[in-house]
Amino acid sequence: MYQQRPDVDAWFPGMVFAAVQRGPAGTRLARWSKDVCGALAVVPVSGVERFRQGAPDSVAVVAANTWQAIQLLEQSGARWEATSAQEPVWADKIETLSCSVHCTGTSVEIWAPVRAADWLVSIAVEITGLPVSGIHVNTPFLTAGLPRQVERDCVAQALQVGMAVPCRPVKVIWLQEAMEHKVPSRGSSVHLSGTVPFGAPGGTGLRPRLFAPASTGRLQCC
């Protein structure tokens, strides 16, 4: 079964492959070449917020295999321009992030290594314009690189690539150096409050509160 293996290892008949190059933090994609010899498609893509603004900050190249996509990415001529002063945010990645999508025009199927798949549906509806009934999300095996599940911006970019090559499943990967600019390692904190009687084991009425970034990118407190 597909769910028993990491997304990066899975393959489907007719699958094509894409590599994404993100620009440094605080930049937007200024220019790129649409005509790259050997590429099936060259697609400007963006995360959720940039998609709403119509300002792509990344470029993806689709090819017959991953190695070719990575090599052709260097020929895309992508250039970025600064939009704000911002230092890069470094993050540790153990393995390559990947996400697979299959867009048919009337439906979308997503394979993304996430723990909570429900929030992917709203992103897919916004990016593709399809109804909820046309979105199907699969959650393949999460590998040891926790918490390196894909971020919502990765899924948004994968959907934009999939729409550029309709009716063909496409596996999208993000180059290690590209991810260093954009995805911070998430931190969290736990606050416990209550009473602990002197000389008695345990505590009374301990109340835990968790503060952590949610999968949707907003601060979560519970």
Foldseek 3Di string as FASTA:
>chain_A
DQQADDPVPDDDPQEKEKEKFFDFPQKFWDDWAQDQPQFPGKFQFWFDVCVVVVTGGMIMTIHRDDVVNVVSVVVGPIDIDGRDDDHFAFADFDDWAKKKWAAALAAIEIEWADPDCPVLLVLLCVLNVYDSVRYHYHHHDDDPRPPPTDARRRSRRNSRVNVVVHRGMYMYIYDPVRVRRPDHDWDKDKDWDFADDPPDPDTPPIDIWIWTQDSNRHIDID
